[in-house]
């Protein structure tokens, strides 16, 4: 494995790709949380159901956000 210095353009491209991965992951996580936990804000639900929807929304949103970051960066790192 040879170590070579990356050019400024390569470093900039990686920075942009990481920013895109994080921004799109945050958006996906927020949309999924709002989709699952949204009924809590609209309807008067039993406390147990509200707690379940909020917890499920947070878990699903978080997991999908992490998977999105992994997917974007994995695809970027693949040789062209």
PDB file of N, CA and C in Angstrom:
ATOM      1  N   UNK A   1       0.839  -1.160   0.000  1.00  0.00           N
ATOM      2  CA  UNK A   1       0.000   0.000   0.000  1.00  0.00           C
ATOM      3  C   UNK A   1       0.894   1.236   0.000  1.00  0.00           C
ATOM      4  N   UNK A   2       0.752   2.024  -1.008  1.00  0.00           N
ATOM      5  CA  UNK A   2       1.570   3.222  -1.095  1.00  0.00           C
ATOM      6  C   UNK A   2       0.804   4.412  -0.547  1.00  0.00           C
ATOM      7  N   UNK A   3       1.523   5.242   0.152  1.00  0.00           N
ATOM      8  CA  UNK A   3       0.919   6.451   0.705  1.00  0.00           C
ATOM      9  C   UNK A   3       1.330   7.614  -0.177  1.00  0.00           C
ATOM     10  N   UNK A   4       0.357   8.318  -0.699  1.00  0.00           N
ATOM     11  CA  UNK A   4       0.674   9.502  -1.481  1.00  0.00           C
ATOM     12  C   UNK A   4      -0.137  10.659  -0.927  1.00  0.00           C
ATOM     13  N   UNK A   5       0.352  11.828  -1.140  1.00  0.00           N
ATOM     14  CA  UNK A   5      -0.350  13.023  -0.681  1.00  0.00           C
ATOM     15  C   UNK A   5      -1.547  13.278  -1.588  1.00  0.00           C
ATOM     16  N   UNK A   6      -2.657  13.620  -0.983  1.00  0.00           N
ATOM     17  CA  UNK A   6      -3.834  13.973  -1.768  1.00  0.00           C
ATOM     18  C   UNK A   6      -3.736  15.425  -2.200  1.00  0.00           C
ATOM     19  N   UNK A   7      -4.239  15.678  -3.385  1.00  0.00           N
ATOM     20  CA  UNK A   7      -4.236  17.056  -3.870  1.00  0.00           C
ATOM     21  C   UNK A   7      -5.318  17.852  -3.143  1.00  0.00           C
ATOM     22  N   UNK A   8      -5.246  19.152  -3.260  1.00  0.00           N
ATOM     23  CA  UNK A   8      -6.242  20.010  -2.631  1.00  0.00           C
ATOM     24  C   UNK A   8      -7.630  19.724  -3.199  1.00  0.00           C
ATOM     25  N   UNK A   9      -7.715  19.449  -4.485  1.00  0.00           N
ATOM     26  CA  UNK A   9      -9.004  19.149  -5.110  1.00  0.00           C
ATOM     27  C   UNK A   9      -9.606  17.859  -4.538  1.00  0.00           C
ATOM     28  N   UNK A  10      -8.765  16.856  -4.300  1.00  0.00           N
ATOM     29  CA  UNK A  10      -9.254  15.605  -3.719  1.00  0.00           C
ATOM     30  C   UNK A  10      -9.732  15.815  -2.286  1.00  0.00           C
ATOM     31  N   UNK A  11      -9.002  16.611  -1.520  1.00  0.00           N
ATOM     32  CA  UNK A  11      -9.428  16.902  -0.138  1.00  0.00           C
ATOM     33  C   UNK A  11     -10.727  17.695  -0.127  1.00  0.00           C
ATOM     34  N   UNK A  12     -10.846  18.651  -1.036  1.00  0.00           N
ATOM     35  CA  UNK A  12     -12.077  19.435  -1.119  1.00  0.00           C
ATOM     36  C   UNK A  12     -13.257  18.558  -1.521  1.00  0.00           C
ATOM     37  N   UNK A  13     -13.046  17.655  -2.454  1.00  0.00           N
ATOM     38  CA  UNK A  13     -14.124  16.761  -2.889  1.00  0.00           C
ATOM     39  C   UNK A  13     -14.583  15.870  -1.739  1.00  0.00           C
ATOM     40  N   UNK A  14     -13.646  15.383  -0.940  1.00  0.00           N
ATOM     41  CA  UNK A  14     -14.000  14.551   0.207  1.00  0.00           C
ATOM     42  C   UNK A  14     -14.780  15.356   1.240  1.00  0.00           C
ATOM     43  N   UNK A  15     -14.372  16.601   1.462  1.00  0.00           N
ATOM     44  CA  UNK A  15     -15.083  17.458   2.421  1.00  0.00           C
ATOM     45  C   UNK A  15     -16.507  17.721   1.968  1.00  0.00           C
ATOM     46  N   UNK A  16     -16.682  18.007   0.697  1.00  0.00           N
ATOM     47  CA  UNK A  16     -18.023  18.238   0.156  1.00  0.00           C
ATOM     48  C   UNK A  16     -18.869  16.972   0.276  1.00  0.00           C
ATOM     49  N   UNK A  17     -18.286  15.838  -0.030  1.00  0.00           N
ATOM     50  CA  UNK A  17     -19.034  14.579   0.042  1.00  0.00           C
ATOM     51  C   UNK A  17     -19.445  14.259   1.479  1.00  0.00           C
ATOM     52  N   UNK A  18     -18.569  14.518   2.443  1.00  0.00           N
ATOM     53  CA  UNK A  18     -18.925  14.283   3.847  1.00  0.00           C
ATOM     54  C   UNK A  18     -20.026  15.236   4.280  1.00  0.00           C
ATOM     55  N   UNK A  19     -19.952  16.478   3.865  1.00  0.00           N
ATOM     56  CA  UNK A  19     -21.004  17.437   4.182  1.00  0.00           C
ATOM     57  C   UNK A  19     -22.340  17.015   3.590  1.00  0.00           C
ATOM     58  N   UNK A  20     -22.309  16.550   2.334  1.00  0.00           N
ATOM     59  CA  UNK A  20     -23.535  16.068   1.695  1.00  0.00           C
ATOM     60  C   UNK A  20     -24.095  14.860   2.439  1.00  0.00           C
ATOM     61  N   UNK A  21     -23.228  13.956   2.828  1.00  0.00           N
ATOM     62  CA  UNK A  21     -23.674  12.756   3.537  1.00  0.00           C
ATOM     63  C   UNK A  21     -24.354  13.134   4.855  1.00  0.00           C
ATOM     64  N   UNK A  22     -23.754  14.049   5.613  1.00  0.00           N
ATOM     65  CA  UNK A  22     -24.335  14.447   6.896  1.00  0.00           C
ATOM     66  C   UNK A  22     -25.632  15.226   6.714  1.00  0.00           C
ATOM     67  N   UNK A  23     -25.665  16.140   5.748  1.00  0.00           N
ATOM     68  CA  UNK A  23     -26.869  16.938   5.530  1.00  0.00           C
ATOM     69  C   UNK A  23     -28.033  16.073   5.062  1.00  0.00           C
ATOM     70  N   UNK A  24     -27.785  15.187   4.114  1.00  0.00           N
ATOM     71  CA  UNK A  24     -28.867  14.327   3.629  1.00  0.00           C
ATOM     72  C   UNK A  24     -29.304  13.334   4.704  1.00  0.00           C
ATOM     73  N   UNK A  25     -28.378  12.901   5.565  1.00  0.00           N
ATOM     74  CA  UNK A  25     -28.735  11.997   6.662  1.00  0.00           C
ATOM     75  C   UNK A  25     -29.615  12.712   7.682  1.00  0.00           C
ATOM     76  N   UNK A  26     -29.283  13.950   8.001  1.00  0.00           N
ATOM     77  CA  UNK A  26     -30.111  14.721   8.939  1.00  0.00           C
ATOM     78  C   UNK A  26     -31.502  14.938   8.374  1.00  0.00           C
ATOM     79  N   UNK A  27     -31.584  15.257   7.101  1.00  0.00           N
ATOM     80  CA  UNK A  27     -32.889  15.458   6.465  1.00  0.00           C
ATOM     81  C   UNK A  27     -33.711  14.173   6.485  1.00  0.00           C
ATOM     82  N   UNK A  28     -33.091  13.057   6.119  1.00  0.00           N
ATOM     83  CA  UNK A  28     -33.802  11.772   6.118  1.00  0.00           C
ATOM     84  C   UNK A  28     -34.263  11.403   7.518  1.00  0.00           C
ATOM     85  N   UNK A  29     -33.392  11.577   8.500  1.00  0.00           N
ATOM     86  CA  UNK A  29     -33.755  11.265   9.881  1.00  0.00           C
ATOM     87  C   UNK A  29     -34.914  12.119  10.372  1.00  0.00           C
ATOM     88  N   UNK A  30     -34.890  13.418  10.046  1.00  0.00           N
ATOM     89  CA  UNK A  30     -35.964  14.316  10.470  1.00  0.00           C
ATOM     90  C   UNK A  30     -37.288  13.968   9.797  1.00  0.00           C
ATOM     91  N   UNK A  31     -37.238  13.643   8.523  1.00  0.00           N
ATOM     92  CA  UNK A  31     -38.467  13.276   7.809  1.00  0.00           C
ATOM     93  C   UNK A  31     -39.053  11.986   8.377  1.00  0.00           C
ATOM     94  N   UNK A  32     -38.216  11.014   8.637  1.00  0.00           N
ATOM     95  CA  UNK A  32     -38.721   9.750   9.186  1.00  0.00           C
ATOM     96  C   UNK A  32     -39.260   9.935  10.600  1.00  0.00           C
ATOM     97  N   UNK A  33     -38.579  10.737  11.422  1.00  0.00           N
ATOM     98  CA  UNK A  33     -39.079  11.007  12.764  1.00  0.00           C
ATOM     99  C   UNK A  33     -40.432  11.697  12.692  1.00  0.00           C
ATOM    100  N   UNK A  34     -40.557  12.696  11.837  1.00  0.00           N
ATOM    101  CA  UNK A  34     -41.817  13.423  11.710  1.00  0.00           C
ATOM    102  C   UNK A  34     -42.932  12.527  11.182  1.00  0.00           C
ATOM    103  N   UNK A  35     -42.592  11.623  10.295  1.00  0.00           N
ATOM    104  CA  UNK A  35     -43.595  10.710   9.748  1.00  0.00           C
ATOM    105  C   UNK A  35     -44.127   9.765  10.822  1.00  0.00           C
ATOM    106  N   UNK A  36     -43.239   9.227  11.628  1.00  0.00           N
ATOM    107  CA  UNK A  36     -43.657   8.254  12.637  1.00  0.00           C
ATOM    108  C   UNK A  36     -44.241   8.943  13.870  1.00  0.00           C
ATOM    109  N   UNK A  37     -43.606  10.007  14.325  1.00  0.00           N
ATOM    110  CA  UNK A  37     -44.045  10.655  15.562  1.00  0.00           C
ATOM    111  C   UNK A  37     -45.031  11.786  15.317  1.00  0.00           C
ATOM    112  N   UNK A  38     -45.323  12.113  14.087  1.00  0.00           N
ATOM    113  CA  UNK A  38     -46.233  13.201  13.762  1.00  0.00           C
ATOM    114  C   UNK A  38     -47.616  13.093  14.371  1.00  0.00           C
ATOM    115  N   UNK A  39     -48.212  11.914  14.397  1.00  0.00           N
ATOM    116  CA  UNK A  39     -49.551  11.801  14.983  1.00  0.00           C
ATOM    117  C   UNK A  39     -49.629  12.245  16.448  1.00  0.00           C
ATOM    118  N   UNK A  40     -48.522  12.224  17.157  1.00  0.00           N
ATOM    119  CA  UNK A  40     -48.515  12.668  18.556  1.00  0.00           C
ATOM    120  C   UNK A  40     -48.865  14.152  18.631  1.00  0.00           C
ATOM    121  N   UNK A  41     -48.396  14.929  17.660  1.00  0.00           N
ATOM    122  CA  UNK A  41     -48.667  16.367  17.654  1.00  0.00           C
ATOM    123  C   UNK A  41     -50.079  16.687  17.176  1.00  0.00           C
ATOM    124  N   UNK A  42     -50.696  15.771  16.451  1.00  0.00           N
ATOM    125  CA  UNK A  42     -52.002  16.049  15.854  1.00  0.00           C
ATOM    126  C   UNK A  42     -53.156  15.519  16.701  1.00  0.00           C
ATOM    127  N   UNK A  43     -53.035  14.308  17.185  1.00  0.00           N
ATOM    128  CA  UNK A  43     -54.130  13.667  17.898  1.00  0.00           C
ATOM    129  C   UNK A  43     -53.819  13.523  19.383  1.00  0.00           C
ATOM    130  N   UNK A  44     -54.866  13.397  20.161  1.00  0.00           N
ATOM    131  CA  UNK A  44     -54.729  13.150  21.596  1.00  0.00           C
ATOM    132  C   UNK A  44     -54.697  11.633  21.801  1.00  0.00           C
ATOM    133  N   UNK A  45     -53.518  11.099  21.939  1.00  0.00           N
ATOM    134  CA  UNK A  45     -53.332   9.653  22.055  1.00  0.00           C
ATOM    135  C   UNK A  45     -53.012   9.293  23.497  1.00  0.00           C
ATOM    136  N   UNK A  46     -53.236   8.021  23.858  1.00  0.00           N
ATOM    137  CA  UNK A  46     -52.821   7.582  25.197  1.00  0.00           C
ATOM    138  C   UNK A  46     -51.313   7.770  25.391  1.00  0.00           C
ATOM    139  N   UNK A  47     -50.914   8.022  26.620  1.00  0.00           N
ATOM    140  CA  UNK A  47     -49.510   8.307  26.948  1.00  0.00           C
ATOM    141  C   UNK A  47     -48.574   7.202  26.477  1.00  0.00           C
ATOM    142  N   UNK A  48     -48.986   5.956  26.603  1.00  0.00           N
ATOM    143  CA  UNK A  48     -48.145   4.828  26.183  1.00  0.00           C
ATOM    144  C   UNK A  48     -47.907   4.854  24.674  1.00  0.00           C
ATOM    145  N   UNK A  49     -48.948   5.142  23.922  1.00  0.00           N
ATOM    146  CA  UNK A  49     -48.823   5.199  22.463  1.00  0.00           C
ATOM    147  C   UNK A  49     -47.930   6.372  22.063  1.00  0.00           C
ATOM    148  N   UNK A  50     -48.102   7.513  22.718  1.00  0.00           N
ATOM    149  CA  UNK A  50     -47.255   8.671  22.424  1.00  0.00           C
ATOM    150  C   UNK A  50     -45.785   8.352  22.667  1.00  0.00           C
ATOM    151  N   UNK A  51     -45.512   7.738  23.807  1.00  0.00           N
ATOM    152  CA  UNK A  51     -44.129   7.391  24.149  1.00  0.00           C
ATOM    153  C   UNK A  51     -43.554   6.407  23.134  1.00  0.00           C
ATOM    154  N   UNK A  52     -44.355   5.416  22.742  1.00  0.00           N
ATOM    155  CA  UNK A  52     -43.900   4.436  21.759  1.00  0.00           C
ATOM    156  C   UNK A  52     -43.596   5.096  20.418  1.00  0.00           C
ATOM    157  N   UNK A  53     -44.488   5.974  19.937  1.00  0.00           N
ATOM    158  CA  UNK A  53     -44.280   6.623  18.643  1.00  0.00           C
ATOM    159  C   UNK A  53     -43.050   7.530  18.664  1.00  0.00           C
ATOM    160  N   UNK A  54     -42.856   8.254  19.745  1.00  0.00           N
ATOM    161  CA  UNK A  54     -41.677   9.111  19.844  1.00  0.00           C
ATOM    162  C   UNK A  54     -40.385   8.292  19.874  1.00  0.00           C
ATOM    163  N   UNK A  55     -40.407   7.209  20.640  1.00  0.00           N
ATOM    164  CA  UNK A  55     -39.224   6.344  20.716  1.00  0.00           C
ATOM    165  C   UNK A  55     -38.954   5.663  19.377  1.00  0.00           C
ATOM    166  N   UNK A  56     -39.997   5.130  18.766  1.00  0.00           N
ATOM    167  CA  UNK A  56     -39.833   4.461  17.471  1.00  0.00           C
ATOM    168  C   UNK A  56     -39.355   5.448  16.411  1.00  0.00           C
ATOM    169  N   UNK A  57     -39.898   6.647  16.404  1.00  0.00           N
ATOM    170  CA  UNK A  57     -39.466   7.656  15.441  1.00  0.00           C
ATOM    171  C   UNK A  57     -38.013   8.032  15.613  1.00  0.00           C
ATOM    172  N   UNK A  58     -37.589   8.178  16.861  1.00  0.00           N
ATOM    173  CA  UNK A  58     -36.184   8.516  17.122  1.00  0.00           C
ATOM    174  C   UNK A  58     -35.257   7.383  16.683  1.00  0.00           C
ATOM    175  N   UNK A  59     -35.619   6.153  16.996  1.00  0.00           N
ATOM    176  CA  UNK A  59     -34.781   5.011  16.613  1.00  0.00           C
ATOM    177  C   UNK A  59     -34.698   4.858  15.098  1.00  0.00           C
ATOM    178  N   UNK A  60     -35.847   4.859  14.446  1.00  0.00           N
ATOM    179  CA  UNK A  60     -35.860   4.666  12.990  1.00  0.00           C
ATOM    180  C   UNK A  60     -35.129   5.816  12.298  1.00  0.00           C
ATOM    181  N   UNK A  61     -35.404   7.044  12.719  1.00  0.00           N
ATOM    182  CA  UNK A  61     -34.717   8.193  12.128  1.00  0.00           C
ATOM    183  C   UNK A  61     -33.218   8.131  12.335  1.00  0.00           C
ATOM    184  N   UNK A  62     -32.780   7.760  13.525  1.00  0.00           N
ATOM    185  CA  UNK A  62     -31.349   7.667  13.808  1.00  0.00           C
ATOM    186  C   UNK A  62     -30.658   6.575  13.018  1.00  0.00           C
ATOM    187  N   UNK A  63     -31.287   5.410  12.974  1.00  0.00           N
ATOM    188  CA  UNK A  63     -30.687   4.281  12.242  1.00  0.00           C
ATOM    189  C   UNK A  63     -30.605   4.591  10.747  1.00  0.00           C
ATOM    190  N   UNK A  64     -31.681   5.158  10.184  1.00  0.00           N
ATOM    191  CA  UNK A  64     -31.645   5.483   8.758  1.00  0.00           C
ATOM    192  C   UNK A  64     -30.640   6.585   8.455  1.00  0.00           C
ATOM    193  N   UNK A  65     -30.445   7.520   9.363  1.00  0.00           N
ATOM    194  CA  UNK A  65     -29.452   8.565   9.161  1.00  0.00           C
ATOM    195  C   UNK A  65     -28.044   7.967   9.122  1.00  0.00           C
ATOM    196  N   UNK A  66     -27.750   7.082  10.041  1.00  0.00           N
ATOM    197  CA  UNK A  66     -26.433   6.430  10.053  1.00  0.00           C
ATOM    198  C   UNK A  66     -26.234   5.602   8.780  1.00  0.00           C
ATOM    199  N   UNK A  67     -27.258   4.868   8.376  1.00  0.00           N
ATOM    200  CA  UNK A  67     -27.152   4.076   7.149  1.00  0.00           C
ATOM    201  C   UNK A  67     -26.953   4.962   5.928  1.00  0.00           C
ATOM    202  N   UNK A  68     -27.573   6.138   5.922  1.00  0.00           N
ATOM    203  CA  UNK A  68     -27.402   7.066   4.801  1.00  0.00           C
ATOM    204  C   UNK A  68     -25.960   7.556   4.711  1.00  0.00           C
ATOM    205  N   UNK A  69     -25.376   7.914   5.838  1.00  0.00           N
ATOM    206  CA  UNK A  69     -23.978   8.364   5.836  1.00  0.00           C
ATOM    207  C   UNK A  69     -23.071   7.250   5.326  1.00  0.00           C
ATOM    208  N   UNK A  70     -23.277   6.046   5.824  1.00  0.00           N
ATOM    209  CA  UNK A  70     -22.462   4.908   5.387  1.00  0.00           C
ATOM    210  C   UNK A  70     -22.614   4.676   3.892  1.00  0.00           C
ATOM    211  N   UNK A  71     -23.835   4.713   3.402  1.00  0.00           N
ATOM    212  CA  UNK A  71     -24.095   4.463   1.979  1.00  0.00           C
ATOM    213  C   UNK A  71     -23.408   5.505   1.093  1.00  0.00           C
ATOM    214  N   UNK A  72     -23.565   6.783   1.444  1.00  0.00           N
ATOM    215  CA  UNK A  72     -22.984   7.845   0.614  1.00  0.00           C
ATOM    216  C   UNK A  72     -21.468   7.765   0.622  1.00  0.00           C
ATOM    217  N   UNK A  73     -20.853   7.600   1.794  1.00  0.00           N
ATOM    218  CA  UNK A  73     -19.394   7.563   1.851  1.00  0.00           C
ATOM    219  C   UNK A  73     -18.821   6.284   1.251  1.00  0.00           C
ATOM    220  N   UNK A  74     -19.544   5.183   1.383  1.00  0.00           N
ATOM    221  CA  UNK A  74     -19.084   3.928   0.775  1.00  0.00           C
ATOM    222  C   UNK A  74     -19.089   4.071  -0.748  1.00  0.00           C
ATOM    223  N   UNK A  75     -20.170   4.664  -1.283  1.00  0.00           N
ATOM    224  CA  UNK A  75     -20.262   4.841  -2.725  1.00  0.00           C
ATOM    225  C   UNK A  75     -19.178   5.800  -3.224  1.00  0.00           C
ATOM    226  N   UNK A  76     -18.856   6.827  -2.433  1.00  0.00           N
ATOM    227  CA  UNK A  76     -17.815   7.776  -2.829  1.00  0.00           C
ATOM    228  C   UNK A  76     -16.433   7.107  -2.839  1.00  0.00           C
ATOM    229  N   UNK A  77     -16.167   6.237  -1.887  1.00  0.00           N
ATOM    230  CA  UNK A  77     -14.860   5.603  -1.772  1.00  0.00           C
ATOM    231  C   UNK A  77     -14.600   4.492  -2.766  1.00  0.00           C
ATOM    232  N   UNK A  78     -15.637   4.059  -3.472  1.00  0.00           N
ATOM    233  CA  UNK A  78     -15.487   2.976  -4.449  1.00  0.00           C
ATOM    234  C   UNK A  78     -14.637   3.450  -5.626  1.00  0.00           C
ATOM    235  N   UNK A  79     -13.709   2.629  -6.090  1.00  0.00           N
ATOM    236  CA  UNK A  79     -12.898   3.031  -7.241  1.00  0.00           C
ATOM    237  C   UNK A  79     -13.755   3.216  -8.491  1.00  0.00           C
ATOM    238  N   UNK A  80     -13.401   4.208  -9.265  1.00  0.00           N
ATOM    239  CA  UNK A  80     -14.196   4.515 -10.463  1.00  0.00           C
ATOM    240  C   UNK A  80     -13.693   3.772 -11.655  1.00  0.00           C
TER     241      UNK A  80
END
